[in-house]
């Protein structure tokens, strides 16, 4: 059986945000890849579980201010990048990071790459008191992701294919 990893996104004040248990698929030059088949669940904080209709894989890069979700079809959002503090591996079985609100997505239907939630990022800078260096890192990550995702630079080209293939078609 594959190793399960607890994934905990938190808000800047430490409250639990998105969280789920995912299967470790492997590691490559881009980072650590975890996956879930369609029919698995995720949670937002301590709310009831949310059923995932499509398989997806999550990439945790090393020393970068983002994470990336790669969704199987027919999900309309092909790639969803959360701008976060660098993922911290608490143990081999748990990874955590702070969600800094900004997101970069690529739509499957028209291939458009968008930065979203700038309003939430601005609001939370005040609400949580983000330090200037955190704001600067988040903004820099957003600029880099917009270019890399839109340009299909790896890992935003074909790198996710083998990993997504490991969970797509499975059912939980």
C-alpha atoms as a PDB file:
ATOM      1  CA  UNK A   1       0.000   0.000   0.000  1.00  0.00           C
ATOM      2  CA  UNK A   2       1.199   3.502  -0.802  1.00  0.00           C
ATOM      3  CA  UNK A   3       2.206   5.881   1.928  1.00  0.00           C
ATOM      4  CA  UNK A   4      -0.469   8.385   2.943  1.00  0.00           C
ATOM      5  CA  UNK A   5       0.438  11.997   3.648  1.00  0.00           C
ATOM      6  CA  UNK A   6      -1.662  14.505   5.587  1.00  0.00           C
ATOM      7  CA  UNK A   7      -1.801  17.782   3.648  1.00  0.00           C
ATOM      8  CA  UNK A   8      -2.659  20.840   5.758  1.00  0.00           C
ATOM      9  CA  UNK A   9      -3.043  24.276   4.236  1.00  0.00           C
ATOM     10  CA  UNK A  10      -3.422  26.915   6.941  1.00  0.00           C
ATOM     11  CA  UNK A  11      -4.256  30.602   6.992  1.00  0.00           C
ATOM     12  CA  UNK A  12      -1.699  33.089   8.303  1.00  0.00           C
ATOM     13  CA  UNK A  13      -3.253  33.044  11.795  1.00  0.00           C
ATOM     14  CA  UNK A  14      -2.720  29.265  11.961  1.00  0.00           C
ATOM     15  CA  UNK A  15      -6.339  28.193  11.381  1.00  0.00           C
ATOM     16  CA  UNK A  16      -6.824  25.041   9.352  1.00  0.00           C
ATOM     17  CA  UNK A  17      -7.835  25.689   5.745  1.00  0.00           C
ATOM     18  CA  UNK A  18      -7.925  23.018   2.998  1.00  0.00           C
ATOM     19  CA  UNK A  19      -6.811  19.593   4.212  1.00  0.00           C
ATOM     20  CA  UNK A  20      -6.797  16.020   2.972  1.00  0.00           C
ATOM     21  CA  UNK A  21      -4.940  12.729   3.092  1.00  0.00           C
ATOM     22  CA  UNK A  22      -3.202  11.937  -0.170  1.00  0.00           C
ATOM     23  CA  UNK A  23      -1.194   9.052  -1.565  1.00  0.00           C
ATOM     24  CA  UNK A  24       2.538   9.685  -2.102  1.00  0.00           C
ATOM     25  CA  UNK A  25       3.233   8.978  -5.753  1.00  0.00           C
ATOM     26  CA  UNK A  26       6.910   9.863  -5.939  1.00  0.00           C
ATOM     27  CA  UNK A  27       9.462  12.592  -6.376  1.00  0.00           C
ATOM     28  CA  UNK A  28      11.291  14.182  -9.298  1.00  0.00           C
ATOM     29  CA  UNK A  29      13.285  17.323 -10.083  1.00  0.00           C
ATOM     30  CA  UNK A  30      10.154  19.441  -9.556  1.00  0.00           C
ATOM     31  CA  UNK A  31       9.368  18.184  -6.047  1.00  0.00           C
ATOM     32  CA  UNK A  32       7.111  15.689  -4.280  1.00  0.00           C
ATOM     33  CA  UNK A  33       3.945  14.483  -6.012  1.00  0.00           C
ATOM     34  CA  UNK A  34       0.842  13.300  -4.149  1.00  0.00           C
ATOM     35  CA  UNK A  35      -2.422  12.132  -5.700  1.00  0.00           C
ATOM     36  CA  UNK A  36      -6.053  11.242  -5.176  1.00  0.00           C
ATOM     37  CA  UNK A  37      -8.477   9.438  -7.478  1.00  0.00           C
ATOM     38  CA  UNK A  38     -11.981  10.608  -8.290  1.00  0.00           C
ATOM     39  CA  UNK A  39     -14.324   9.816  -5.408  1.00  0.00           C
ATOM     40  CA  UNK A  40     -11.831  10.841  -2.725  1.00  0.00           C
ATOM     41  CA  UNK A  41     -12.610  13.659  -0.301  1.00  0.00           C
ATOM     42  CA  UNK A  42     -11.114  16.931   0.851  1.00  0.00           C
ATOM     43  CA  UNK A  43     -12.149  19.307   3.629  1.00  0.00           C
ATOM     44  CA  UNK A  44     -12.147  23.038   4.158  1.00  0.00           C
ATOM     45  CA  UNK A  45     -11.186  23.494   7.787  1.00  0.00           C
ATOM     46  CA  UNK A  46     -13.380  21.250   9.915  1.00  0.00           C
ATOM     47  CA  UNK A  47     -16.387  21.397   7.603  1.00  0.00           C
ATOM     48  CA  UNK A  48     -17.958  18.213   6.211  1.00  0.00           C
ATOM     49  CA  UNK A  49     -16.011  16.320   3.534  1.00  0.00           C
ATOM     50  CA  UNK A  50     -16.280  17.440  -0.094  1.00  0.00           C
ATOM     51  CA  UNK A  51     -16.368  14.700  -2.744  1.00  0.00           C
ATOM     52  CA  UNK A  52     -13.815  15.109  -5.535  1.00  0.00           C
ATOM     53  CA  UNK A  53     -15.368  14.320  -8.899  1.00  0.00           C
ATOM     54  CA  UNK A  54     -12.042  14.171 -10.771  1.00  0.00           C
ATOM     55  CA  UNK A  55      -8.639  12.728  -9.999  1.00  0.00           C
ATOM     56  CA  UNK A  56      -5.891  15.200  -9.220  1.00  0.00           C
ATOM     57  CA  UNK A  57      -2.241  15.377  -8.243  1.00  0.00           C
ATOM     58  CA  UNK A  58      -0.555  17.962  -6.058  1.00  0.00           C
ATOM     59  CA  UNK A  59       3.040  19.091  -6.486  1.00  0.00           C
ATOM     60  CA  UNK A  60       5.037  20.374  -3.515  1.00  0.00           C
ATOM     61  CA  UNK A  61       8.150  22.072  -4.893  1.00  0.00           C
ATOM     62  CA  UNK A  62      11.304  22.525  -2.840  1.00  0.00           C
ATOM     63  CA  UNK A  63      11.903  26.012  -1.385  1.00  0.00           C
ATOM     64  CA  UNK A  64       9.250  27.716  -3.517  1.00  0.00           C
ATOM     65  CA  UNK A  65       6.336  29.939  -2.493  1.00  0.00           C
ATOM     66  CA  UNK A  66       3.622  27.896  -4.211  1.00  0.00           C
ATOM     67  CA  UNK A  67       1.978  24.510  -4.628  1.00  0.00           C
ATOM     68  CA  UNK A  68       0.196  23.237  -7.747  1.00  0.00           C
ATOM     69  CA  UNK A  69      -2.861  21.057  -8.333  1.00  0.00           C
ATOM     70  CA  UNK A  70      -3.183  19.318 -11.702  1.00  0.00           C
ATOM     71  CA  UNK A  71      -6.763  18.170 -12.368  1.00  0.00           C
ATOM     72  CA  UNK A  72      -7.902  15.372 -14.670  1.00  0.00           C
ATOM     73  CA  UNK A  73     -10.558  16.101 -17.291  1.00  0.00           C
ATOM     74  CA  UNK A  74     -13.355  17.007 -17.414  1.00  0.00           C
ATOM     75  CA  UNK A  75     -12.518  19.503 -14.627  1.00  0.00           C
ATOM     76  CA  UNK A  76     -12.591  22.977 -16.213  1.00  0.00           C
ATOM     77  CA  UNK A  77      -9.568  24.196 -14.224  1.00  0.00           C
ATOM     78  CA  UNK A  78      -6.585  22.252 -15.551  1.00  0.00           C
ATOM     79  CA  UNK A  79      -4.010  23.749 -13.131  1.00  0.00           C
ATOM     80  CA  UNK A  80      -4.603  25.559  -9.855  1.00  0.00           C
ATOM     81  CA  UNK A  81      -1.554  27.065  -8.142  1.00  0.00           C
ATOM     82  CA  UNK A  82      -1.850  28.297  -4.580  1.00  0.00           C
ATOM     83  CA  UNK A  83       0.670  30.929  -3.591  1.00  0.00           C
ATOM     84  CA  UNK A  84       1.845  29.786  -0.172  1.00  0.00           C
ATOM     85  CA  UNK A  85       4.765  29.874   2.184  1.00  0.00           C
ATOM     86  CA  UNK A  86       7.295  27.180   1.191  1.00  0.00           C
ATOM     87  CA  UNK A  87       5.835  23.743   2.010  1.00  0.00           C
ATOM     88  CA  UNK A  88       7.217  22.386   5.273  1.00  0.00           C
ATOM     89  CA  UNK A  89       7.525  18.643   5.736  1.00  0.00           C
ATOM     90  CA  UNK A  90       6.694  18.180   9.424  1.00  0.00           C
ATOM     91  CA  UNK A  91       7.392  14.459   8.942  1.00  0.00           C
ATOM     92  CA  UNK A  92       7.377  12.063   5.962  1.00  0.00           C
ATOM     93  CA  UNK A  93       3.631  11.756   6.624  1.00  0.00           C
ATOM     94  CA  UNK A  94       2.632  15.436   6.908  1.00  0.00           C
ATOM     95  CA  UNK A  95       3.193  18.590   4.886  1.00  0.00           C
ATOM     96  CA  UNK A  96       1.920  22.048   5.807  1.00  0.00           C
ATOM     97  CA  UNK A  97       2.067  25.567   4.421  1.00  0.00           C
ATOM     98  CA  UNK A  98       0.291  28.916   4.768  1.00  0.00           C
ATOM     99  CA  UNK A  99      -2.132  29.802   1.976  1.00  0.00           C
ATOM    100  CA  UNK A 100      -1.460  33.440   1.057  1.00  0.00           C
ATOM    101  CA  UNK A 101      -4.675  33.798  -0.955  1.00  0.00           C
ATOM    102  CA  UNK A 102      -3.328  34.637  -4.416  1.00  0.00           C
ATOM    103  CA  UNK A 103      -3.871  31.882  -6.968  1.00  0.00           C
ATOM    104  CA  UNK A 104      -2.815  31.314 -10.566  1.00  0.00           C
ATOM    105  CA  UNK A 105      -5.015  29.063 -12.669  1.00  0.00           C
ATOM    106  CA  UNK A 106      -5.077  27.707 -16.204  1.00  0.00           C
ATOM    107  CA  UNK A 107      -8.467  26.924 -17.683  1.00  0.00           C
ATOM    108  CA  UNK A 108      -8.800  23.743 -19.713  1.00  0.00           C
ATOM    109  CA  UNK A 109     -11.447  25.080 -22.092  1.00  0.00           C
ATOM    110  CA  UNK A 110      -9.559  28.031 -23.589  1.00  0.00           C
ATOM    111  CA  UNK A 111      -6.078  27.659 -22.056  1.00  0.00           C
ATOM    112  CA  UNK A 112      -6.345  31.075 -20.384  1.00  0.00           C
ATOM    113  CA  UNK A 113      -3.980  31.702 -17.457  1.00  0.00           C
ATOM    114  CA  UNK A 114      -5.391  33.986 -14.767  1.00  0.00           C
ATOM    115  CA  UNK A 115      -4.342  35.399 -11.413  1.00  0.00           C
ATOM    116  CA  UNK A 116      -7.290  35.338  -9.022  1.00  0.00           C
ATOM    117  CA  UNK A 117      -8.138  36.418  -5.478  1.00  0.00           C
ATOM    118  CA  UNK A 118      -6.091  39.627  -5.495  1.00  0.00           C
ATOM    119  CA  UNK A 119      -8.888  41.208  -3.407  1.00  0.00           C
ATOM    120  CA  UNK A 120      -8.583  38.494  -0.754  1.00  0.00           C
ATOM    121  CA  UNK A 121      -4.789  38.909  -0.746  1.00  0.00           C
ATOM    122  CA  UNK A 122      -5.147  42.675  -0.168  1.00  0.00           C
ATOM    123  CA  UNK A 123      -7.775  42.174   2.542  1.00  0.00           C
ATOM    124  CA  UNK A 124      -5.719  39.555   4.381  1.00  0.00           C
ATOM    125  CA  UNK A 125      -2.570  41.686   4.294  1.00  0.00           C
ATOM    126  CA  UNK A 126      -4.435  43.996   6.665  1.00  0.00           C
ATOM    127  CA  UNK A 127      -6.455  41.387   8.568  1.00  0.00           C
ATOM    128  CA  UNK A 128      -3.501  39.095   9.344  1.00  0.00           C
ATOM    129  CA  UNK A 129      -0.725  41.678   9.197  1.00  0.00           C
ATOM    130  CA  UNK A 130       1.395  40.020   6.523  1.00  0.00           C
ATOM    131  CA  UNK A 131       4.995  41.248   6.885  1.00  0.00           C
ATOM    132  CA  UNK A 132       6.505  43.131   3.919  1.00  0.00           C
ATOM    133  CA  UNK A 133       8.810  40.211   3.020  1.00  0.00           C
ATOM    134  CA  UNK A 134       5.867  37.784   2.863  1.00  0.00           C
ATOM    135  CA  UNK A 135       3.955  40.182   0.592  1.00  0.00           C
ATOM    136  CA  UNK A 136       7.009  40.583  -1.652  1.00  0.00           C
ATOM    137  CA  UNK A 137       7.579  36.797  -1.887  1.00  0.00           C
ATOM    138  CA  UNK A 138       3.904  36.166  -2.673  1.00  0.00           C
ATOM    139  CA  UNK A 139       3.853  38.833  -5.395  1.00  0.00           C
ATOM    140  CA  UNK A 140       7.104  37.518  -6.909  1.00  0.00           C
ATOM    141  CA  UNK A 141       5.719  33.958  -6.905  1.00  0.00           C
ATOM    142  CA  UNK A 142       2.567  35.214  -8.622  1.00  0.00           C
ATOM    143  CA  UNK A 143       4.536  36.927 -11.390  1.00  0.00           C
ATOM    144  CA  UNK A 144       6.736  33.855 -11.909  1.00  0.00           C
ATOM    145  CA  UNK A 145       3.732  31.497 -11.972  1.00  0.00           C
ATOM    146  CA  UNK A 146       1.830  33.644 -14.484  1.00  0.00           C
ATOM    147  CA  UNK A 147       4.748  33.405 -16.897  1.00  0.00           C
ATOM    148  CA  UNK A 148       5.590  29.741 -16.243  1.00  0.00           C
ATOM    149  CA  UNK A 149       2.008  28.427 -16.316  1.00  0.00           C
ATOM    150  CA  UNK A 150       1.042  30.484 -19.374  1.00  0.00           C
ATOM    151  CA  UNK A 151       4.245  29.464 -21.182  1.00  0.00           C
ATOM    152  CA  UNK A 152       3.756  25.818 -20.213  1.00  0.00           C
ATOM    153  CA  UNK A 153       7.243  25.709 -18.707  1.00  0.00           C
ATOM    154  CA  UNK A 154       7.764  22.538 -16.698  1.00  0.00           C
ATOM    155  CA  UNK A 155       6.254  21.410 -14.449  1.00  0.00           C
ATOM    156  CA  UNK A 156       3.276  23.137 -16.137  1.00  0.00           C
ATOM    157  CA  UNK A 157       3.693  21.385 -19.486  1.00  0.00           C
ATOM    158  CA  UNK A 158       3.632  17.606 -19.610  1.00  0.00           C
ATOM    159  CA  UNK A 159       5.435  16.735 -16.332  1.00  0.00           C
ATOM    160  CA  UNK A 160       2.191  15.976 -14.483  1.00  0.00           C
ATOM    161  CA  UNK A 161       1.081  13.370 -17.030  1.00  0.00           C
ATOM    162  CA  UNK A 162       2.799  10.334 -15.565  1.00  0.00           C
ATOM    163  CA  UNK A 163       1.722  11.258 -12.042  1.00  0.00           C
ATOM    164  CA  UNK A 164      -1.883  11.952 -12.980  1.00  0.00           C
ATOM    165  CA  UNK A 165      -1.916   8.658 -14.874  1.00  0.00           C
ATOM    166  CA  UNK A 166      -1.187   6.878 -11.586  1.00  0.00           C
ATOM    167  CA  UNK A 167      -4.507   8.015 -10.048  1.00  0.00           C
ATOM    168  CA  UNK A 168      -6.771   8.883 -12.988  1.00  0.00           C
ATOM    169  CA  UNK A 169      -9.216   6.079 -13.630  1.00  0.00           C
ATOM    170  CA  UNK A 170      -9.020   4.829 -10.029  1.00  0.00           C
ATOM    171  CA  UNK A 171     -12.081   5.179  -7.858  1.00  0.00           C
ATOM    172  CA  UNK A 172     -12.021   5.490  -4.145  1.00  0.00           C
END
